[in-house]
């Protein structure tokens, strides 16, 4: 006698799953990152919290370089002569001038936004490079942004080019047609 499996009702299973989705969205954390050489803004549409500061990192000089401070605190650390302040997004030809420092900066800002919550779920990050360079963003720049967010702790990453997104668009993950998702 062979194994008899229970009858599968796919329609009923899909209906049950679609009813459970809103419950799971409670745990999802979307973070919107707008970046330019002048300003880095990180926003959580779920909580309404935002951080908006210059994308600068204070790094100790010497053989073992360590990050001393990020954002507005980096300028204050400049009083110490053994510190260098770096803006990883300031380059005349590329969106990212120092990938490693940019990743650490993004990680620090995400940690600051979420606090020290050990139960925090890895966020879904929407990276939005501001501006519209001649010829568009290169595949290398798009990939750098994608990898940077993953390295900073994101569970998923979308790179968006277009107008700033609303909280509703971010929470529903419905991107408007007057822009485009690059990755």
N, C-alpha and C. Protein backbone atom coordinates (compact mmCIF):
# COMPACT_ATOMS: atom_id res chain seq x y z
N UNK A 1 0.83 -1.17 0.00
CA UNK A 1 0.00 0.00 0.00
C UNK A 1 0.89 1.25 0.00
N UNK A 2 0.65 2.14 -0.89
CA UNK A 2 1.45 3.35 -1.03
C UNK A 2 1.00 4.47 -0.11
N UNK A 3 1.83 5.51 -0.03
CA UNK A 3 1.54 6.68 0.79
C UNK A 3 0.43 7.48 0.14
N UNK A 4 -0.55 7.85 0.90
CA UNK A 4 -1.64 8.70 0.41
C UNK A 4 -1.48 10.06 1.07
N UNK A 5 -1.21 11.10 0.25
CA UNK A 5 -1.03 12.43 0.82
C UNK A 5 -2.36 13.17 0.85
N UNK A 6 -2.50 14.06 1.81
CA UNK A 6 -3.76 14.80 1.90
C UNK A 6 -3.95 15.67 0.66
N UNK A 7 -5.18 15.89 0.32
CA UNK A 7 -5.51 16.70 -0.84
C UNK A 7 -5.08 18.14 -0.59
N UNK A 8 -4.39 18.71 -1.53
CA UNK A 8 -3.90 20.08 -1.39
C UNK A 8 -4.90 21.01 -2.07
N UNK A 9 -5.32 22.01 -1.33
CA UNK A 9 -6.20 23.03 -1.89
C UNK A 9 -5.38 24.30 -2.03
N UNK A 10 -4.80 24.48 -3.19
CA UNK A 10 -3.89 25.59 -3.42
C UNK A 10 -4.59 26.93 -3.22
N UNK A 11 -5.79 27.09 -3.70
CA UNK A 11 -6.51 28.35 -3.56
C UNK A 11 -6.71 28.71 -2.08
N UNK A 12 -7.08 27.72 -1.28
CA UNK A 12 -7.29 27.97 0.14
C UNK A 12 -5.97 28.32 0.83
N UNK A 13 -4.88 27.64 0.46
CA UNK A 13 -3.57 27.93 1.04
C UNK A 13 -3.12 29.34 0.69
N UNK A 14 -3.33 29.76 -0.55
CA UNK A 14 -2.95 31.11 -0.96
C UNK A 14 -3.78 32.16 -0.23
N UNK A 15 -5.05 31.90 -0.03
CA UNK A 15 -5.90 32.83 0.70
C UNK A 15 -5.43 32.96 2.14
N UNK A 16 -5.13 31.86 2.78
CA UNK A 16 -4.64 31.87 4.16
C UNK A 16 -3.33 32.64 4.24
N UNK A 17 -2.42 32.38 3.29
CA UNK A 17 -1.13 33.06 3.26
C UNK A 17 -1.31 34.57 3.09
N UNK A 18 -2.21 34.98 2.19
CA UNK A 18 -2.42 36.42 1.95
C UNK A 18 -3.03 37.09 3.18
N UNK A 19 -3.80 36.36 3.98
CA UNK A 19 -4.34 36.92 5.21
C UNK A 19 -3.27 37.08 6.28
N UNK A 20 -2.24 36.24 6.23
CA UNK A 20 -1.16 36.30 7.21
C UNK A 20 -0.09 37.35 6.87
N UNK A 21 -0.01 37.76 5.61
CA UNK A 21 1.02 38.71 5.20
C UNK A 21 1.03 40.00 6.01
N UNK A 22 -0.12 40.63 6.27
CA UNK A 22 -0.07 41.86 7.09
C UNK A 22 0.54 41.63 8.47
N UNK A 23 0.34 40.46 9.03
CA UNK A 23 0.92 40.16 10.33
C UNK A 23 2.45 40.13 10.24
N UNK A 24 2.97 39.53 9.17
CA UNK A 24 4.42 39.47 9.01
C UNK A 24 5.01 40.83 8.69
N UNK A 25 4.25 41.73 8.04
CA UNK A 25 4.77 43.05 7.71
C UNK A 25 5.05 43.87 8.97
N UNK A 26 4.44 43.47 10.10
CA UNK A 26 4.72 44.14 11.37
C UNK A 26 6.20 44.00 11.71
N UNK A 27 6.78 42.86 11.37
CA UNK A 27 8.18 42.62 11.68
C UNK A 27 9.14 43.22 10.66
N UNK A 28 8.64 43.52 9.47
CA UNK A 28 9.50 44.07 8.42
C UNK A 28 9.88 45.50 8.76
N UNK A 29 11.10 45.82 8.49
CA UNK A 29 11.63 47.14 8.77
C UNK A 29 12.22 47.69 7.48
N UNK A 30 11.60 48.72 6.93
CA UNK A 30 12.10 49.35 5.72
C UNK A 30 12.86 50.61 6.12
N UNK A 31 14.02 50.80 5.53
CA UNK A 31 14.82 52.00 5.79
C UNK A 31 15.12 52.64 4.44
N UNK A 32 14.87 53.94 4.36
CA UNK A 32 15.07 54.72 3.14
C UNK A 32 16.34 55.55 3.31
N UNK A 33 17.30 55.37 2.41
CA UNK A 33 18.58 56.07 2.48
C UNK A 33 18.73 56.96 1.25
N UNK A 34 18.75 58.27 1.49
CA UNK A 34 19.02 59.24 0.43
C UNK A 34 20.45 59.71 0.63
N UNK A 35 21.25 59.63 -0.43
CA UNK A 35 22.65 60.02 -0.24
C UNK A 35 23.16 60.91 -1.35
N UNK A 36 24.03 61.82 -0.93
CA UNK A 36 24.76 62.71 -1.83
C UNK A 36 26.05 63.07 -1.10
N UNK A 37 26.99 63.71 -1.77
CA UNK A 37 28.22 64.10 -1.08
C UNK A 37 27.98 65.11 0.05
N UNK A 38 26.89 65.85 -0.03
CA UNK A 38 26.60 66.88 0.97
C UNK A 38 25.77 66.38 2.14
N UNK A 39 24.93 65.35 1.92
CA UNK A 39 23.98 64.96 2.95
C UNK A 39 23.63 63.47 2.84
N UNK A 40 23.56 62.82 4.00
CA UNK A 40 23.11 61.44 4.09
C UNK A 40 21.88 61.44 4.99
N UNK A 41 20.75 61.02 4.45
CA UNK A 41 19.50 60.98 5.21
C UNK A 41 19.03 59.54 5.28
N UNK A 42 18.78 59.08 6.50
CA UNK A 42 18.27 57.73 6.71
C UNK A 42 16.93 57.89 7.44
N UNK A 43 15.90 57.24 6.89
CA UNK A 43 14.55 57.44 7.41
C UNK A 43 13.83 56.10 7.54
N UNK A 44 13.12 55.93 8.64
CA UNK A 44 12.28 54.75 8.84
C UNK A 44 10.83 55.18 8.70
N UNK A 45 10.14 54.78 7.63
CA UNK A 45 8.74 55.17 7.48
C UNK A 45 7.84 54.54 8.53
N UNK A 46 8.27 53.44 9.11
CA UNK A 46 7.47 52.76 10.12
C UNK A 46 7.44 53.54 11.44
N UNK A 47 8.61 54.04 11.87
CA UNK A 47 8.70 54.75 13.14
C UNK A 47 8.68 56.26 12.97
N UNK A 48 8.99 56.74 11.77
CA UNK A 48 9.05 58.18 11.53
C UNK A 48 10.39 58.79 11.92
N UNK A 49 11.31 57.99 12.46
CA UNK A 49 12.61 58.51 12.87
C UNK A 49 13.49 58.76 11.64
N UNK A 50 14.27 59.84 11.70
CA UNK A 50 15.20 60.18 10.62
C UNK A 50 16.50 60.71 11.19
N UNK A 51 17.56 60.48 10.43
CA UNK A 51 18.87 61.07 10.72
C UNK A 51 19.31 61.72 9.41
N UNK A 52 19.73 62.96 9.50
CA UNK A 52 20.16 63.68 8.31
C UNK A 52 21.40 64.49 8.67
N UNK A 53 22.55 64.04 8.19
CA UNK A 53 23.82 64.69 8.51
C UNK A 53 24.79 64.60 7.34
N UNK A 54 25.87 65.36 7.45
CA UNK A 54 26.93 65.25 6.44
C UNK A 54 27.53 63.85 6.51
N UNK A 55 27.81 63.24 5.36
CA UNK A 55 28.36 61.87 5.38
C UNK A 55 29.87 61.88 5.61
N UNK A 56 30.25 62.18 6.83
CA UNK A 56 31.67 62.26 7.15
C UNK A 56 32.02 61.25 8.25
N UNK A 57 33.26 60.80 8.18
CA UNK A 57 33.76 59.82 9.15
C UNK A 57 35.12 60.31 9.66
N UNK A 58 35.28 60.34 10.98
CA UNK A 58 36.56 60.68 11.59
C UNK A 58 37.32 59.38 11.82
N UNK A 59 38.51 59.31 11.25
CA UNK A 59 39.33 58.10 11.32
C UNK A 59 40.66 58.45 11.97
N UNK A 60 41.10 57.62 12.91
CA UNK A 60 42.38 57.87 13.57
C UNK A 60 43.51 57.67 12.57
N UNK A 61 44.48 58.55 12.64
CA UNK A 61 45.66 58.43 11.78
C UNK A 61 46.59 57.40 12.41
N UNK A 62 47.44 56.84 11.60
CA UNK A 62 48.38 55.87 12.13
C UNK A 62 48.22 54.52 11.46
N UNK A 63 49.03 53.57 11.90
CA UNK A 63 49.01 52.25 11.25
C UNK A 63 47.69 51.49 11.44
N UNK A 64 47.07 51.61 12.60
CA UNK A 64 45.80 50.91 12.84
C UNK A 64 44.68 51.95 12.83
N UNK A 65 44.09 52.16 11.66
CA UNK A 65 43.04 53.16 11.52
C UNK A 65 41.73 52.64 12.10
N UNK A 66 41.11 53.43 12.97
CA UNK A 66 39.82 53.08 13.54
C UNK A 66 38.88 54.27 13.39
N UNK A 67 37.59 53.97 13.33
CA UNK A 67 36.60 55.02 13.21
C UNK A 67 36.37 55.61 14.60
N UNK A 68 36.51 56.92 14.68
CA UNK A 68 36.34 57.65 15.94
C UNK A 68 34.91 58.18 16.06
N UNK A 69 34.38 58.75 14.97
CA UNK A 69 33.05 59.34 15.00
C UNK A 69 32.51 59.42 13.58
N UNK A 70 31.18 59.54 13.48
CA UNK A 70 30.52 59.68 12.18
C UNK A 70 29.56 60.87 12.21
N UNK A 71 29.21 61.36 11.03
CA UNK A 71 28.24 62.44 10.92
C UNK A 71 28.74 63.73 11.51
N UNK A 72 27.87 64.45 12.21
CA UNK A 72 28.23 65.75 12.78
C UNK A 72 29.31 65.63 13.84
N UNK A 73 29.40 64.48 14.50
CA UNK A 73 30.42 64.26 15.52
C UNK A 73 31.82 64.14 14.91
N UNK A 74 31.91 63.84 13.63
CA UNK A 74 33.21 63.70 12.97
C UNK A 74 33.94 65.04 12.92
N UNK A 75 33.21 66.11 12.64
CA UNK A 75 33.83 67.45 12.61
C UNK A 75 34.39 67.84 13.97
N UNK A 76 33.67 67.50 15.03
CA UNK A 76 34.13 67.82 16.38
C UNK A 76 35.41 67.07 16.70
N UNK A 77 35.54 65.85 16.20
CA UNK A 77 36.75 65.04 16.45
C UNK A 77 37.96 65.57 15.70
N UNK A 78 37.72 66.46 14.74
CA UNK A 78 38.81 67.02 13.94
C UNK A 78 39.75 67.89 14.78
N UNK A 79 39.30 68.33 15.95
CA UNK A 79 40.16 69.12 16.84
C UNK A 79 41.39 68.33 17.26
N UNK A 80 41.26 67.01 17.31
CA UNK A 80 42.38 66.14 17.62
C UNK A 80 43.23 66.02 16.36
N UNK A 81 44.50 66.32 16.44
CA UNK A 81 45.35 66.35 15.26
C UNK A 81 45.70 64.97 14.72
N UNK A 82 45.35 63.92 15.45
CA UNK A 82 45.64 62.57 14.97
C UNK A 82 44.43 61.96 14.25
N UNK A 83 43.50 62.80 13.85
CA UNK A 83 42.27 62.33 13.21
C UNK A 83 42.15 62.93 11.81
N UNK A 84 41.72 62.10 10.87
CA UNK A 84 41.40 62.55 9.52
C UNK A 84 39.90 62.42 9.31
N UNK A 85 39.28 63.40 8.66
CA UNK A 85 37.85 63.33 8.35
C UNK A 85 37.71 63.02 6.87
N UNK A 86 36.93 61.97 6.58
CA UNK A 86 36.75 61.48 5.21
C UNK A 86 35.27 61.51 4.86
N UNK A 87 34.97 61.97 3.65
CA UNK A 87 33.62 61.88 3.10
C UNK A 87 33.67 60.82 2.00
N UNK A 88 33.12 59.62 2.24
CA UNK A 88 33.26 58.53 1.28
C UNK A 88 32.41 58.69 0.01
N UNK A 89 31.61 59.76 -0.06
CA UNK A 89 30.79 60.00 -1.25
C UNK A 89 31.26 61.22 -2.04
N UNK A 90 32.39 61.81 -1.66
CA UNK A 90 32.90 63.01 -2.32
C UNK A 90 33.98 62.62 -3.33
N UNK A 91 33.59 62.57 -4.57
CA UNK A 91 34.52 62.28 -5.66
C UNK A 91 33.97 62.93 -6.92
N UNK A 92 34.82 63.54 -7.73
CA UNK A 92 34.30 64.25 -8.91
C UNK A 92 33.75 63.34 -10.02
N UNK A 93 34.19 62.07 -10.07
CA UNK A 93 33.77 61.20 -11.17
C UNK A 93 32.89 60.03 -10.76
N UNK A 94 32.78 59.76 -9.47
CA UNK A 94 32.07 58.57 -9.03
C UNK A 94 31.21 58.88 -7.81
N UNK A 95 30.18 58.11 -7.63
CA UNK A 95 29.28 58.27 -6.49
C UNK A 95 29.95 57.86 -5.18
N UNK A 96 30.81 56.86 -5.23
CA UNK A 96 31.48 56.35 -4.03
C UNK A 96 32.98 56.48 -4.22
N UNK A 97 33.63 57.17 -3.28
CA UNK A 97 35.08 57.31 -3.38
C UNK A 97 35.82 56.31 -2.49
N UNK A 98 35.19 55.88 -1.40
CA UNK A 98 35.80 54.90 -0.50
C UNK A 98 34.72 53.94 -0.02
N UNK A 99 34.66 52.77 -0.64
CA UNK A 99 33.60 51.81 -0.36
C UNK A 99 33.60 51.35 1.09
N UNK A 100 34.75 51.00 1.63
CA UNK A 100 34.84 50.47 2.99
C UNK A 100 34.37 51.48 4.02
N UNK A 101 34.80 52.72 3.88
CA UNK A 101 34.40 53.77 4.82
C UNK A 101 32.90 54.06 4.65
N UNK A 102 32.41 54.05 3.41
CA UNK A 102 30.98 54.29 3.17
C UNK A 102 30.13 53.20 3.82
N UNK A 103 30.55 51.96 3.72
CA UNK A 103 29.83 50.85 4.33
C UNK A 103 29.79 50.99 5.86
N UNK A 104 30.92 51.36 6.45
CA UNK A 104 30.98 51.55 7.90
C UNK A 104 30.13 52.75 8.34
N UNK A 105 30.11 53.79 7.55
CA UNK A 105 29.27 54.96 7.83
C UNK A 105 27.79 54.58 7.81
N UNK A 106 27.38 53.85 6.78
CA UNK A 106 26.00 53.41 6.67
C UNK A 106 25.63 52.50 7.83
N UNK A 107 26.52 51.59 8.20
CA UNK A 107 26.28 50.69 9.33
C UNK A 107 26.09 51.48 10.63
N UNK A 108 26.91 52.50 10.85
CA UNK A 108 26.81 53.32 12.06
C UNK A 108 25.49 54.10 12.08
N UNK A 109 25.08 54.63 10.93
CA UNK A 109 23.83 55.38 10.87
C UNK A 109 22.63 54.45 11.07
N UNK A 110 22.67 53.24 10.51
CA UNK A 110 21.58 52.28 10.72
C UNK A 110 21.49 51.89 12.20
N UNK A 111 22.63 51.70 12.82
CA UNK A 111 22.64 51.35 14.25
C UNK A 111 22.07 52.51 15.07
N UNK A 112 22.43 53.73 14.70
CA UNK A 112 21.93 54.91 15.41
C UNK A 112 20.41 55.04 15.23
N UNK A 113 19.91 54.75 14.03
CA UNK A 113 18.48 54.84 13.75
C UNK A 113 17.69 53.80 14.53
N UNK A 114 18.21 52.57 14.57
CA UNK A 114 17.50 51.46 15.24
C UNK A 114 17.79 51.39 16.73
N UNK A 115 18.79 52.09 17.20
CA UNK A 115 19.15 52.00 18.61
C UNK A 115 19.90 50.71 18.87
N UNK A 116 20.02 50.36 20.12
CA UNK A 116 20.76 49.16 20.52
C UNK A 116 19.85 47.95 20.68
N UNK A 117 18.76 47.91 19.94
CA UNK A 117 17.79 46.81 20.05
C UNK A 117 18.41 45.52 19.50
N UNK A 118 18.63 44.55 20.38
CA UNK A 118 19.24 43.29 19.95
C UNK A 118 18.26 42.42 19.18
N UNK A 119 16.96 42.73 19.29
CA UNK A 119 15.95 41.96 18.57
C UNK A 119 15.57 42.61 17.24
N UNK A 120 16.28 43.65 16.85
CA UNK A 120 15.96 44.36 15.61
C UNK A 120 16.14 43.42 14.41
N UNK A 121 15.17 43.43 13.53
CA UNK A 121 15.20 42.64 12.32
C UNK A 121 16.04 43.38 11.28
N UNK A 122 16.84 42.65 10.53
CA UNK A 122 17.65 43.28 9.47
C UNK A 122 16.71 44.02 8.52
N UNK A 123 16.97 45.29 8.25
CA UNK A 123 16.04 46.08 7.45
C UNK A 123 16.13 45.79 5.95
N UNK A 124 15.04 46.06 5.28
CA UNK A 124 15.04 46.16 3.83
C UNK A 124 15.43 47.60 3.54
N UNK A 125 16.45 47.81 2.75
CA UNK A 125 16.97 49.16 2.52
C UNK A 125 16.69 49.59 1.09
N UNK A 126 16.19 50.80 0.95
CA UNK A 126 16.03 51.43 -0.35
C UNK A 126 17.08 52.52 -0.44
N UNK A 127 18.08 52.31 -1.28
CA UNK A 127 19.15 53.29 -1.49
C UNK A 127 18.71 54.24 -2.60
N UNK A 128 18.80 55.54 -2.33
CA UNK A 128 18.38 56.54 -3.31
C UNK A 128 19.51 57.55 -3.50
N UNK A 129 20.39 57.31 -4.48
CA UNK A 129 21.43 58.29 -4.76
C UNK A 129 20.78 59.53 -5.37
N UNK A 130 21.05 60.68 -4.78
CA UNK A 130 20.44 61.92 -5.24
C UNK A 130 21.23 62.47 -6.43
N UNK A 131 20.53 63.12 -7.29
CA UNK A 131 21.16 63.69 -8.47
C UNK A 131 20.92 62.82 -9.69
N UNK A 132 21.34 63.33 -10.81
CA UNK A 132 21.16 62.63 -12.07
C UNK A 132 22.41 62.85 -12.91
N UNK A 133 23.42 62.00 -12.75
CA UNK A 133 24.67 62.22 -13.48
C UNK A 133 24.49 62.04 -14.98
N UNK A 134 25.31 62.74 -15.73
CA UNK A 134 25.28 62.60 -17.19
C UNK A 134 25.54 61.15 -17.55
N UNK A 135 24.65 60.55 -18.32
CA UNK A 135 24.80 59.16 -18.71
C UNK A 135 24.23 58.18 -17.70
N UNK A 136 23.72 58.70 -16.57
CA UNK A 136 23.13 57.83 -15.55
C UNK A 136 24.19 57.21 -14.65
N UNK A 137 23.73 56.47 -13.67
CA UNK A 137 24.64 55.79 -12.76
C UNK A 137 25.18 54.55 -13.46
N UNK A 138 26.46 54.27 -13.24
CA UNK A 138 27.07 53.11 -13.88
C UNK A 138 26.67 51.84 -13.13
N UNK A 139 26.83 50.72 -13.79
CA UNK A 139 26.55 49.43 -13.17
C UNK A 139 27.45 49.23 -11.95
N UNK A 140 28.65 49.74 -12.00
CA UNK A 140 29.59 49.62 -10.88
C UNK A 140 29.08 50.41 -9.68
N UNK A 141 28.56 51.63 -9.90
CA UNK A 141 28.03 52.44 -8.81
C UNK A 141 26.78 51.78 -8.19
N UNK A 142 25.92 51.26 -9.04
CA UNK A 142 24.70 50.61 -8.56
C UNK A 142 25.06 49.38 -7.72
N UNK A 143 25.99 48.60 -8.22
CA UNK A 143 26.43 47.42 -7.47
C UNK A 143 27.10 47.79 -6.16
N UNK A 144 27.89 48.87 -6.18
CA UNK A 144 28.55 49.33 -4.96
C UNK A 144 27.51 49.72 -3.90
N UNK A 145 26.46 50.42 -4.30
CA UNK A 145 25.41 50.80 -3.36
C UNK A 145 24.70 49.57 -2.81
N UNK A 146 24.42 48.63 -3.68
CA UNK A 146 23.74 47.40 -3.30
C UNK A 146 24.59 46.61 -2.29
N UNK A 147 25.84 46.38 -2.61
CA UNK A 147 26.75 45.63 -1.74
C UNK A 147 27.03 46.37 -0.43
N UNK A 148 27.09 47.70 -0.51
CA UNK A 148 27.33 48.52 0.68
C UNK A 148 26.21 48.32 1.70
N UNK A 149 24.97 48.35 1.22
CA UNK A 149 23.82 48.19 2.12
C UNK A 149 23.77 46.78 2.70
N UNK A 150 24.08 45.78 1.89
CA UNK A 150 24.12 44.40 2.41
C UNK A 150 25.20 44.26 3.49
N UNK A 151 26.36 44.83 3.23
CA UNK A 151 27.46 44.79 4.19
C UNK A 151 27.15 45.55 5.48
N UNK A 152 26.26 46.55 5.38
CA UNK A 152 25.88 47.34 6.56
C UNK A 152 24.78 46.65 7.37
N UNK A 153 24.26 45.52 6.86
CA UNK A 153 23.28 44.77 7.62
C UNK A 153 21.90 44.65 7.02
N UNK A 154 21.72 45.07 5.78
CA UNK A 154 20.40 44.98 5.14
C UNK A 154 20.08 43.54 4.76
N UNK A 155 18.79 43.19 4.84
CA UNK A 155 18.36 41.86 4.40
C UNK A 155 18.08 41.86 2.90
N UNK A 156 17.59 42.97 2.39
CA UNK A 156 17.32 43.14 0.97
C UNK A 156 17.63 44.58 0.62
N UNK A 157 17.97 44.82 -0.66
CA UNK A 157 18.32 46.17 -1.09
C UNK A 157 17.70 46.46 -2.44
N UNK A 158 17.14 47.66 -2.56
CA UNK A 158 16.69 48.19 -3.84
C UNK A 158 17.41 49.51 -4.03
N UNK A 159 17.87 49.77 -5.24
CA UNK A 159 18.47 51.06 -5.56
C UNK A 159 17.46 51.79 -6.42
N UNK A 160 17.03 52.96 -5.98
CA UNK A 160 15.97 53.72 -6.64
C UNK A 160 16.54 54.99 -7.26
N UNK A 161 16.10 55.30 -8.47
CA UNK A 161 16.45 56.56 -9.12
C UNK A 161 15.16 57.24 -9.52
N UNK A 162 14.97 58.44 -9.07
CA UNK A 162 13.76 59.19 -9.36
C UNK A 162 13.49 60.18 -8.24
N UNK A 163 12.23 60.59 -8.17
CA UNK A 163 11.83 61.56 -7.15
C UNK A 163 11.89 60.90 -5.76
N UNK A 164 11.94 61.71 -4.70
CA UNK A 164 11.90 61.12 -3.35
C UNK A 164 10.60 60.33 -3.15
N UNK A 165 10.72 59.22 -2.45
CA UNK A 165 9.58 58.33 -2.21
C UNK A 165 8.84 58.74 -0.95
N UNK A 166 7.54 58.49 -0.94
CA UNK A 166 6.72 58.77 0.24
C UNK A 166 6.78 57.56 1.19
N UNK A 167 6.37 57.79 2.42
CA UNK A 167 6.32 56.70 3.39
C UNK A 167 5.38 55.60 2.91
N UNK A 168 4.25 55.98 2.32
CA UNK A 168 3.27 55.00 1.82
C UNK A 168 3.90 54.13 0.72
N UNK A 169 4.63 54.74 -0.19
CA UNK A 169 5.28 53.97 -1.27
C UNK A 169 6.33 53.02 -0.70
N UNK A 170 7.05 53.48 0.30
CA UNK A 170 8.07 52.62 0.92
C UNK A 170 7.46 51.45 1.66
N UNK A 171 6.41 51.72 2.44
CA UNK A 171 5.78 50.66 3.23
C UNK A 171 5.09 49.62 2.34
N UNK A 172 4.50 50.08 1.24
CA UNK A 172 3.80 49.15 0.34
C UNK A 172 4.75 48.53 -0.67
N UNK A 173 5.98 49.07 -0.74
CA UNK A 173 6.98 48.63 -1.72
C UNK A 173 6.48 48.76 -3.16
N UNK A 174 5.65 49.78 -3.37
CA UNK A 174 5.13 50.09 -4.69
C UNK A 174 5.88 51.32 -5.20
N UNK A 175 6.78 51.11 -6.14
CA UNK A 175 7.57 52.21 -6.65
C UNK A 175 6.83 52.89 -7.79
N UNK A 176 6.82 54.23 -7.82
CA UNK A 176 6.08 54.93 -8.86
C UNK A 176 6.70 54.77 -10.24
N UNK A 177 5.90 55.03 -11.25
CA UNK A 177 6.35 54.84 -12.63
C UNK A 177 7.21 56.00 -13.13
N UNK A 178 7.31 57.09 -12.36
CA UNK A 178 8.12 58.22 -12.81
C UNK A 178 9.57 58.13 -12.32
N UNK A 179 10.03 56.94 -12.11
CA UNK A 179 11.42 56.65 -11.74
C UNK A 179 11.67 55.20 -12.07
N UNK A 180 12.78 54.66 -11.56
CA UNK A 180 13.03 53.24 -11.82
C UNK A 180 13.90 52.61 -10.75
N UNK A 181 13.64 51.34 -10.53
CA UNK A 181 14.46 50.54 -9.61
C UNK A 181 15.65 50.05 -10.41
N UNK A 182 16.85 50.38 -9.96
CA UNK A 182 18.06 50.01 -10.69
C UNK A 182 18.59 48.64 -10.30
N UNK A 183 18.24 48.18 -9.11
CA UNK A 183 18.63 46.82 -8.69
C UNK A 183 17.68 46.30 -7.65
